[in-house]
Amino acid sequence: MRLLFLALIVLLAPTQQAVAVEPGERHRARLELLGRQIPLPAGEWSVLGRGSNVLTSGSPGAYGTIDNVILARRDGERIDALVEINTNRLHVSGGWGSAHDCTREDSLARVAFYKTPIDGFCLFVVPTALGEADAPGPAAWTDARTALHQGTAAPSPTWLTVGFRISDRHDVLDVRYHFDPDRLDLPPAAETAWTVEAVLADPKRYDAVNQLAAWGGLAAGLVADGFEGKLAEKAAAPLPNAWEVPVPKEAADAVTGGEAQGRVSRTARIAALDELAESGVITREDQEAYRKAIEEMPPPPTPDDYYRLLGAKVVSFNFFRVSVDYILAFVVTVNAAISGYITATIVATHSVAQVFNDMWWDNYIAAQATANSSMVDFVYAGVRIGEPA
């Protein structure tokens, strides 16, 4: 009886639904992998490779193995886009850290939708060297790289990658959409043309990056829903192509300023609010109140704001401390000169001690933050330009 009870527990326990994804299969609109749904841009996508991947940094625990799938879409004889997917087979209990690309200072664009010690969701745009015949990558990349070089036209050496990393305490999904710059009307260029400085100086490349970031903002909501397996059937339509997404000026400015895009952006929230008012779900009075709250929301504090406040606190505290020290010294000595000397000595010694104390705690907190928010990366296709070797 006990064995029967245990067998029933095993059978009824929740498990990730294993959907077979094999090389040669063709998909439209979405791909289902280990219970996760990955939205796909318009067109027919072929699975070029599937294999197991490994970690190159971090240690999330007993994750088993990482499932890696690479898909491609053809435009005639030429592959114009790739999708690279990494996701875990087994649950962990302590989270998956963050991807290095989520925090790179030299990324062309990045947005952190949210981040905690155990979960996070980010978007990034980086250039990736995929076009070389010996471009490195995971096992699944071998056949994909061969297919990329088939045909009469050689692939572009550098591709533009819109990537997403989303994770919770148990699972992770890393999906990267690689686009041929030729589809964005950009001629082949050296790797140096894709540094942040070079892009800012080239209006055409600058517009292309803004367009990709805006497209990523549109895709972010579907990626988040797909991570939880909640893509509704009504959302079965494919994503638009990145080069078909118009970029209004305010969206471009928001991208360069680090403002969130897509359904969490200020513009999208106001539009959704207006739609609720038009449909009668909320009253016009509520609409005006909510709109005022959105428009008057102050920007998040900057490091400069923090240091200004810190400086004011240091000045006020030291003024109070010096006053108390002088009064106490005068009460004991009843001598203004001696009291001033004692106060100056206390200020000097305490200031030095405070500096060393702050330095020690800064180092301690930095070490703890590094230990608690590790970078977890996999073997990715190609070489991300600008990343240290």
Protein backbone atom coordinates (compact mmCIF):
# COMPACT_ATOMS: atom_id res chain seq x y z
CA MET A 1 0.00 0.00 0.00
CA ARG A 2 2.84 2.35 0.87
CA LEU A 3 4.54 1.68 -2.49
CA LEU A 4 1.28 2.38 -4.31
CA PHE A 5 0.93 5.70 -2.44
CA LEU A 6 4.46 6.74 -3.36
CA ALA A 7 3.86 5.81 -7.00
CA LEU A 8 0.74 8.00 -7.07
CA ILE A 9 2.73 10.94 -5.63
CA VAL A 10 5.34 10.58 -8.38
CA LEU A 11 2.71 10.37 -11.10
CA LEU A 12 0.76 13.37 -9.80
CA ALA A 13 3.77 15.58 -9.06
CA PRO A 14 4.03 18.62 -11.37
CA THR A 15 6.65 18.24 -14.06
CA GLN A 16 7.77 20.29 -17.02
CA GLN A 17 6.01 19.12 -20.14
CA ALA A 18 8.61 17.76 -22.53
CA VAL A 19 7.72 18.84 -26.05
CA ALA A 20 9.94 17.25 -28.66
CA VAL A 21 11.97 19.78 -30.61
CA GLU A 22 14.17 18.15 -33.23
CA PRO A 23 16.45 19.49 -35.99
CA GLY A 24 14.54 19.94 -39.21
CA GLU A 25 11.26 20.89 -37.58
CA ARG A 26 9.56 24.09 -38.70
CA HIS A 27 7.72 26.51 -36.47
CA ARG A 28 5.72 29.69 -36.80
CA ALA A 29 4.81 32.35 -34.22
CA ARG A 30 6.17 30.42 -31.24
CA LEU A 31 8.27 27.48 -30.09
CA GLU A 32 7.46 25.41 -27.00
CA LEU A 33 10.39 24.03 -25.08
CA LEU A 34 10.26 22.42 -21.63
CA GLY A 35 7.02 24.17 -20.76
CA ARG A 36 8.23 27.57 -21.94
CA GLN A 37 6.91 29.38 -24.99
CA ILE A 38 9.31 31.45 -27.05
CA PRO A 39 7.67 34.03 -29.37
CA LEU A 40 9.06 34.12 -32.90
CA PRO A 41 9.08 36.92 -35.50
CA ALA A 42 7.08 36.54 -38.70
CA GLY A 43 8.05 33.77 -41.09
CA GLU A 44 8.94 30.09 -41.00
CA TRP A 45 11.66 29.06 -38.57
CA SER A 46 13.66 25.87 -38.94
CA VAL A 47 15.36 24.12 -36.04
CA LEU A 48 19.01 23.88 -37.10
CA GLY A 49 20.40 22.38 -33.93
CA ARG A 50 19.56 21.14 -30.46
CA GLY A 51 21.94 20.02 -27.76
CA SER A 52 23.07 20.37 -24.18
CA ASN A 53 24.89 23.49 -23.08
CA VAL A 54 27.19 24.22 -20.15
CA LEU A 55 27.84 27.12 -17.80
CA THR A 56 30.84 29.36 -18.33
CA SER A 57 30.35 31.25 -15.06
CA GLY A 58 28.28 31.04 -11.90
CA SER A 59 26.92 28.05 -9.99
CA PRO A 60 23.13 27.99 -9.55
CA GLY A 61 23.17 24.52 -7.96
CA ALA A 62 22.14 21.08 -9.24
CA TYR A 63 20.70 22.35 -12.54
CA GLY A 64 21.29 19.07 -14.40
CA THR A 65 21.84 20.35 -17.91
CA ILE A 66 20.95 23.34 -20.08
CA ASP A 67 18.83 22.72 -23.16
CA ASN A 68 20.05 24.71 -26.16
CA VAL A 69 18.11 25.22 -29.41
CA ILE A 70 19.03 27.32 -32.45
CA LEU A 71 16.51 28.26 -35.15
CA ALA A 72 16.96 30.10 -38.43
CA ARG A 73 14.74 31.91 -40.90
CA ARG A 74 15.58 32.14 -44.57
CA ASP A 75 15.03 35.00 -46.94
CA GLY A 76 15.49 33.24 -50.27
CA GLU A 77 18.80 31.39 -50.09
CA ARG A 78 20.15 33.57 -47.30
CA ILE A 79 19.55 33.23 -43.55
CA ASP A 80 18.53 36.65 -42.28
CA ALA A 81 17.76 35.89 -38.63
CA LEU A 82 18.62 33.37 -35.92
CA VAL A 83 17.06 32.61 -32.55
CA GLU A 84 19.26 31.13 -29.82
CA ILE A 85 17.53 29.63 -26.76
CA ASN A 86 18.97 28.37 -23.49
CA THR A 87 16.81 27.07 -20.66
CA ASN A 88 17.23 24.70 -17.72
CA ARG A 89 15.91 21.15 -17.49
CA LEU A 90 15.88 20.86 -13.69
CA HIS A 91 14.67 23.33 -11.09
CA VAL A 92 17.05 24.96 -8.63
CA SER A 93 16.15 26.70 -5.37
CA GLY A 94 18.46 29.71 -5.15
CA GLY A 95 17.92 31.60 -8.41
CA TRP A 96 20.02 31.99 -11.56
CA GLY A 97 21.89 35.23 -11.03
CA SER A 98 22.18 37.54 -14.03
CA ALA A 99 23.73 37.46 -17.49
CA HIS A 100 26.84 39.54 -18.05
CA ASP A 101 25.16 41.18 -21.05
CA CYS A 102 22.50 42.61 -18.70
CA THR A 103 25.12 44.78 -16.98
CA ARG A 104 27.67 45.56 -19.71
CA GLU A 105 28.57 49.23 -19.80
CA ASP A 106 29.44 48.97 -23.52
CA SER A 107 26.12 47.47 -24.63
CA LEU A 108 24.31 49.45 -27.33
CA ALA A 109 21.11 49.45 -25.25
CA ARG A 110 19.90 47.71 -22.12
CA VAL A 111 16.85 47.83 -19.85
CA ALA A 112 16.51 46.09 -16.48
CA PHE A 113 12.77 45.52 -16.05
CA TYR A 114 13.33 44.19 -12.54
CA LYS A 115 16.13 42.62 -10.53
CA THR A 116 16.28 41.00 -7.09
CA PRO A 117 18.78 38.55 -5.54
CA ILE A 118 16.68 35.60 -6.81
CA ASP A 119 14.99 36.75 -10.02
CA GLY A 120 15.30 39.26 -12.80
CA PHE A 121 14.33 40.30 -16.31
CA CYS A 122 16.46 42.35 -18.67
CA LEU A 123 16.72 43.36 -22.32
CA PHE A 124 19.97 44.15 -24.10
CA VAL A 125 21.20 44.99 -27.61
CA VAL A 126 24.77 43.98 -28.47
CA PRO A 127 26.73 43.32 -31.68
CA THR A 128 27.78 39.69 -32.19
CA ALA A 129 30.42 38.31 -34.57
CA LEU A 130 28.58 35.35 -36.11
CA GLY A 131 29.62 35.39 -39.75
CA GLU A 132 33.07 33.80 -39.57
CA ALA A 133 33.38 30.18 -40.65
CA ASP A 134 35.02 29.32 -37.33
CA ALA A 135 32.75 31.39 -35.07
CA PRO A 136 32.63 29.59 -31.70
CA GLY A 137 29.50 28.35 -30.02
CA PRO A 138 27.79 25.44 -28.26
CA ALA A 139 27.27 21.99 -29.76
CA ALA A 140 23.96 22.99 -31.38
CA TRP A 141 25.76 25.81 -33.18
CA THR A 142 27.84 23.44 -35.36
CA ASP A 143 25.07 22.58 -37.84
CA ALA A 144 23.64 26.10 -37.65
CA ARG A 145 27.00 27.62 -38.57
CA THR A 146 27.27 25.27 -41.56
CA ALA A 147 23.79 26.26 -42.76
CA LEU A 148 24.66 29.93 -42.33
CA HIS A 149 27.48 29.59 -44.88
CA GLN A 150 25.45 27.69 -47.48
CA GLY A 151 24.38 29.61 -50.55
CA THR A 152 26.12 32.01 -52.87
CA ALA A 153 26.23 35.07 -50.61
CA ALA A 154 28.53 35.10 -47.61
CA PRO A 155 26.86 36.05 -44.30
CA SER A 156 27.50 39.41 -42.71
CA PRO A 157 30.43 39.19 -40.29
CA THR A 158 28.67 41.11 -37.53
CA TRP A 159 25.03 40.64 -36.51
CA LEU A 160 22.86 42.65 -34.13
CA THR A 161 21.51 40.74 -31.14
CA VAL A 162 18.41 41.59 -29.12
CA GLY A 163 18.62 39.41 -26.03
CA PHE A 164 16.41 38.67 -23.04
CA ARG A 165 17.32 37.01 -19.75
CA ILE A 166 14.44 36.18 -17.43
CA SER A 167 14.64 34.00 -14.36
CA ASP A 168 12.99 33.27 -11.03
CA ARG A 169 14.07 31.26 -8.02
CA HIS A 170 13.76 27.99 -9.94
CA ASP A 171 14.09 28.50 -13.70
CA VAL A 172 15.84 30.57 -16.35
CA LEU A 173 15.24 31.45 -19.99
CA ASP A 174 17.90 33.13 -22.11
CA VAL A 175 16.71 33.92 -25.64
CA ARG A 176 18.71 35.89 -28.19
CA TYR A 177 17.36 37.13 -31.52
CA HIS A 178 20.22 37.67 -33.99
CA PHE A 179 19.44 39.89 -36.99
CA ASP A 180 21.46 40.39 -40.16
CA PRO A 181 22.23 44.15 -40.40
CA ASP A 182 21.61 43.88 -44.14
CA ARG A 183 17.87 43.70 -43.38
CA LEU A 184 18.20 47.04 -41.62
CA ASP A 185 19.81 48.53 -44.76
CA LEU A 186 23.20 48.62 -43.08
CA PRO A 187 26.26 47.68 -45.14
CA PRO A 188 28.89 45.29 -43.72
CA ALA A 189 31.27 47.09 -41.38
CA ALA A 190 34.24 46.41 -39.14
CA GLU A 191 33.72 45.53 -35.50
CA THR A 192 34.86 49.01 -34.51
CA ALA A 193 31.78 50.46 -36.22
CA TRP A 194 29.62 48.95 -33.47
CA THR A 195 31.15 50.54 -30.41
CA VAL A 196 28.90 52.90 -28.47
CA GLU A 197 30.91 55.92 -29.59
CA ALA A 198 30.81 54.90 -33.26
CA VAL A 199 27.05 54.26 -33.16
CA LEU A 200 26.34 57.62 -31.53
CA ALA A 201 28.33 59.29 -34.31
CA ASP A 202 26.51 57.46 -37.13
CA PRO A 203 22.82 58.49 -37.46
CA LYS A 204 21.90 55.42 -39.51
CA ARG A 205 23.36 52.92 -37.04
CA TYR A 206 21.96 54.96 -34.16
CA ASP A 207 18.46 54.71 -35.66
CA ALA A 208 18.91 50.96 -36.21
CA VAL A 209 19.82 50.39 -32.57
CA ASN A 210 16.83 52.44 -31.42
CA GLN A 211 14.61 50.42 -33.73
CA LEU A 212 15.90 47.14 -32.28
CA ALA A 213 15.46 48.43 -28.73
CA ALA A 214 11.88 49.50 -29.51
CA TRP A 215 11.20 46.06 -31.03
CA GLY A 216 12.63 44.47 -27.89
CA GLY A 217 10.24 46.54 -25.79
CA LEU A 218 7.32 45.15 -27.79
CA ALA A 219 8.60 41.58 -27.48
CA ALA A 220 9.40 41.79 -23.76
CA GLY A 221 5.84 41.21 -22.56
CA LEU A 222 5.45 38.10 -24.72
CA VAL A 223 8.82 36.74 -23.59
CA ALA A 224 7.78 37.21 -19.95
CA ASP A 225 4.41 35.50 -20.51
CA GLY A 226 6.07 32.71 -22.48
CA PHE A 227 8.54 32.06 -19.67
CA GLU A 228 5.59 31.17 -17.47
CA GLY A 229 3.84 29.26 -20.27
CA LYS A 230 1.01 31.79 -20.35
CA LEU A 231 0.97 32.92 -23.97
CA ALA A 232 -2.73 32.98 -24.77
CA GLU A 233 -4.01 31.58 -28.03
CA LYS A 234 -5.18 35.05 -29.00
CA ALA A 235 -1.51 36.07 -28.87
CA ALA A 236 -0.56 33.35 -31.32
CA ALA A 237 0.27 35.91 -34.00
CA PRO A 238 4.00 36.21 -34.72
CA LEU A 239 6.12 39.11 -33.63
CA PRO A 240 6.66 41.77 -36.30
CA ASN A 241 10.06 41.98 -37.92
CA ALA A 242 12.40 44.33 -36.12
CA TRP A 243 12.86 46.52 -39.21
CA GLU A 244 9.08 46.96 -39.53
CA VAL A 245 8.69 48.63 -36.11
CA PRO A 246 8.43 52.43 -36.31
CA VAL A 247 10.41 54.33 -33.71
CA PRO A 248 8.79 57.59 -32.58
CA LYS A 249 11.22 60.23 -31.37
CA GLU A 250 10.08 59.95 -27.75
CA ALA A 251 10.77 56.19 -27.83
CA ALA A 252 14.24 56.73 -29.22
CA ASP A 253 14.99 59.29 -26.53
CA ALA A 254 13.69 56.91 -23.87
CA VAL A 255 15.96 54.12 -25.07
CA THR A 256 19.07 56.25 -24.89
CA GLY A 257 17.99 57.48 -21.47
CA GLY A 258 17.49 53.97 -20.09
CA GLU A 259 13.70 54.33 -19.75
CA ALA A 260 11.61 51.15 -19.90
CA GLN A 261 10.02 50.27 -23.23
CA GLY A 262 6.95 48.29 -24.31
CA ARG A 263 3.89 47.90 -22.10
CA VAL A 264 5.69 49.28 -19.02
CA SER A 265 6.72 52.53 -20.72
CA ARG A 266 5.08 55.84 -19.85
CA THR A 267 3.60 56.21 -23.35
CA ALA A 268 2.10 52.71 -23.30
CA ARG A 269 0.60 53.17 -19.84
CA ILE A 270 -1.09 56.44 -20.84
CA ALA A 271 -2.46 54.80 -24.00
CA ALA A 272 -3.82 51.87 -21.97
CA LEU A 273 -5.39 54.33 -19.52
CA ASP A 274 -7.12 56.22 -22.34
CA GLU A 275 -8.43 52.93 -23.72
CA LEU A 276 -9.94 52.03 -20.34
CA ALA A 277 -11.68 55.40 -20.22
CA GLU A 278 -13.01 55.06 -23.78
CA SER A 279 -14.46 51.62 -23.00
CA GLY A 280 -16.14 52.88 -19.83
CA VAL A 281 -14.16 50.73 -17.42
CA ILE A 282 -13.01 53.82 -15.52
CA THR A 283 -14.57 57.27 -15.26
CA ARG A 284 -13.12 60.40 -16.81
CA GLU A 285 -12.35 61.71 -13.31
CA ASP A 286 -10.33 58.59 -12.53
CA GLN A 287 -8.60 58.88 -15.89
CA GLU A 288 -7.49 62.42 -15.14
CA ALA A 289 -6.30 61.47 -11.65
CA TYR A 290 -4.32 58.46 -12.89
CA ARG A 291 -2.88 60.40 -15.82
CA LYS A 292 -1.74 63.17 -13.48
CA ALA A 293 -0.06 60.59 -11.25
CA ILE A 294 1.82 59.11 -14.24
CA GLU A 295 2.89 62.47 -15.66
CA GLU A 296 3.94 63.95 -12.32
CA MET A 297 5.88 60.93 -11.12
CA PRO A 298 9.39 62.19 -10.30
CA PRO A 299 12.34 60.55 -12.04
CA PRO A 300 14.32 58.01 -10.05
CA PRO A 301 17.20 59.45 -8.02
CA THR A 302 20.59 59.59 -9.69
CA PRO A 303 24.02 59.02 -8.10
CA ASP A 304 24.47 62.81 -8.06
CA ASP A 305 21.31 63.15 -5.96
CA TYR A 306 22.64 60.54 -3.55
CA TYR A 307 26.00 62.27 -3.12
CA ARG A 308 24.39 65.69 -2.64
CA LEU A 309 22.20 64.29 0.14
CA LEU A 310 25.15 62.45 1.65
CA GLY A 311 27.22 65.65 1.66
CA ALA A 312 24.44 67.59 3.39
CA LYS A 313 24.11 64.86 6.04
CA VAL A 314 27.87 64.81 6.69
CA VAL A 315 28.03 68.60 7.09
CA SER A 316 25.03 68.77 9.44
CA PHE A 317 26.20 65.82 11.54
CA ASN A 318 29.75 67.12 11.91
CA PHE A 319 28.50 70.60 12.86
CA PHE A 320 26.36 69.06 15.60
CA ARG A 321 29.18 66.77 16.77
CA VAL A 322 31.81 69.55 16.88
CA SER A 323 29.41 71.76 18.85
CA VAL A 324 28.77 69.04 21.41
CA ASP A 325 32.49 68.20 21.72
CA TYR A 326 33.42 71.86 22.28
CA ILE A 327 30.69 72.41 24.88
CA LEU A 328 31.70 69.30 26.83
CA ALA A 329 35.41 70.25 26.67
CA PHE A 330 34.61 73.78 27.87
CA VAL A 331 32.50 72.47 30.76
CA VAL A 332 35.49 70.41 31.93
CA THR A 333 38.35 72.88 31.27
CA VAL A 334 36.58 76.25 31.46
CA ASN A 335 39.14 77.42 28.88
CA ALA A 336 38.21 78.38 25.34
CA ALA A 337 41.68 77.76 23.82
CA ILE A 338 42.13 74.35 25.43
CA SER A 339 38.55 73.39 24.51
CA GLY A 340 39.22 74.35 20.89
CA TYR A 341 42.43 72.26 20.84
CA ILE A 342 40.65 69.24 22.32
CA THR A 343 37.78 69.59 19.83
CA ALA A 344 40.18 69.86 16.85
CA THR A 345 42.05 66.75 18.03
CA ILE A 346 38.82 64.78 18.36
CA VAL A 347 37.61 65.90 14.91
CA ALA A 348 40.91 64.94 13.25
CA THR A 349 41.20 61.51 14.86
CA HIS A 350 37.51 60.67 14.43
CA SER A 351 37.55 61.77 10.78
CA VAL A 352 40.47 59.47 9.97
CA ALA A 353 38.83 56.60 11.86
CA GLN A 354 35.55 57.22 10.04
CA VAL A 355 37.26 57.09 6.63
CA PHE A 356 38.89 53.75 7.39
CA ASN A 357 35.66 52.41 8.86
CA ASP A 358 33.70 53.40 5.73
CA MET A 359 36.35 51.86 3.47
CA TRP A 360 36.18 48.57 5.37
CA TRP A 361 32.40 48.40 5.23
CA ASP A 362 32.34 49.36 1.53
CA ASN A 363 34.70 46.47 0.76
CA TYR A 364 32.68 44.09 2.92
CA ILE A 365 29.35 45.05 1.35
CA ALA A 366 30.82 44.86 -2.17
CA ALA A 367 32.14 41.35 -1.43
CA GLN A 368 28.74 40.26 -0.11
CA ALA A 369 26.94 41.72 -3.13
CA THR A 370 29.30 39.89 -5.48
CA ALA A 371 28.75 36.62 -3.64
CA ASN A 372 24.96 36.99 -3.61
CA SER A 373 24.41 38.14 -7.21
CA SER A 374 26.61 35.95 -9.36
CA MET A 375 26.78 36.13 -13.12
CA VAL A 376 25.50 32.93 -14.72
CA ASP A 377 26.35 32.61 -18.40
CA PHE A 378 26.29 29.81 -20.94
CA VAL A 379 28.24 29.13 -24.12
CA TYR A 380 26.70 31.44 -26.71
CA ALA A 381 26.94 31.46 -30.49
CA GLY A 382 29.57 33.79 -31.90
CA VAL A 383 31.62 36.41 -30.09
CA ARG A 384 29.94 39.39 -28.46
CA ILE A 385 31.97 42.35 -29.64
CA GLY A 386 33.58 44.43 -26.96
CA GLU A 387 33.32 41.75 -24.27
CA PRO A 388 36.60 40.94 -22.52
CA ALA A 389 38.07 37.59 -23.54
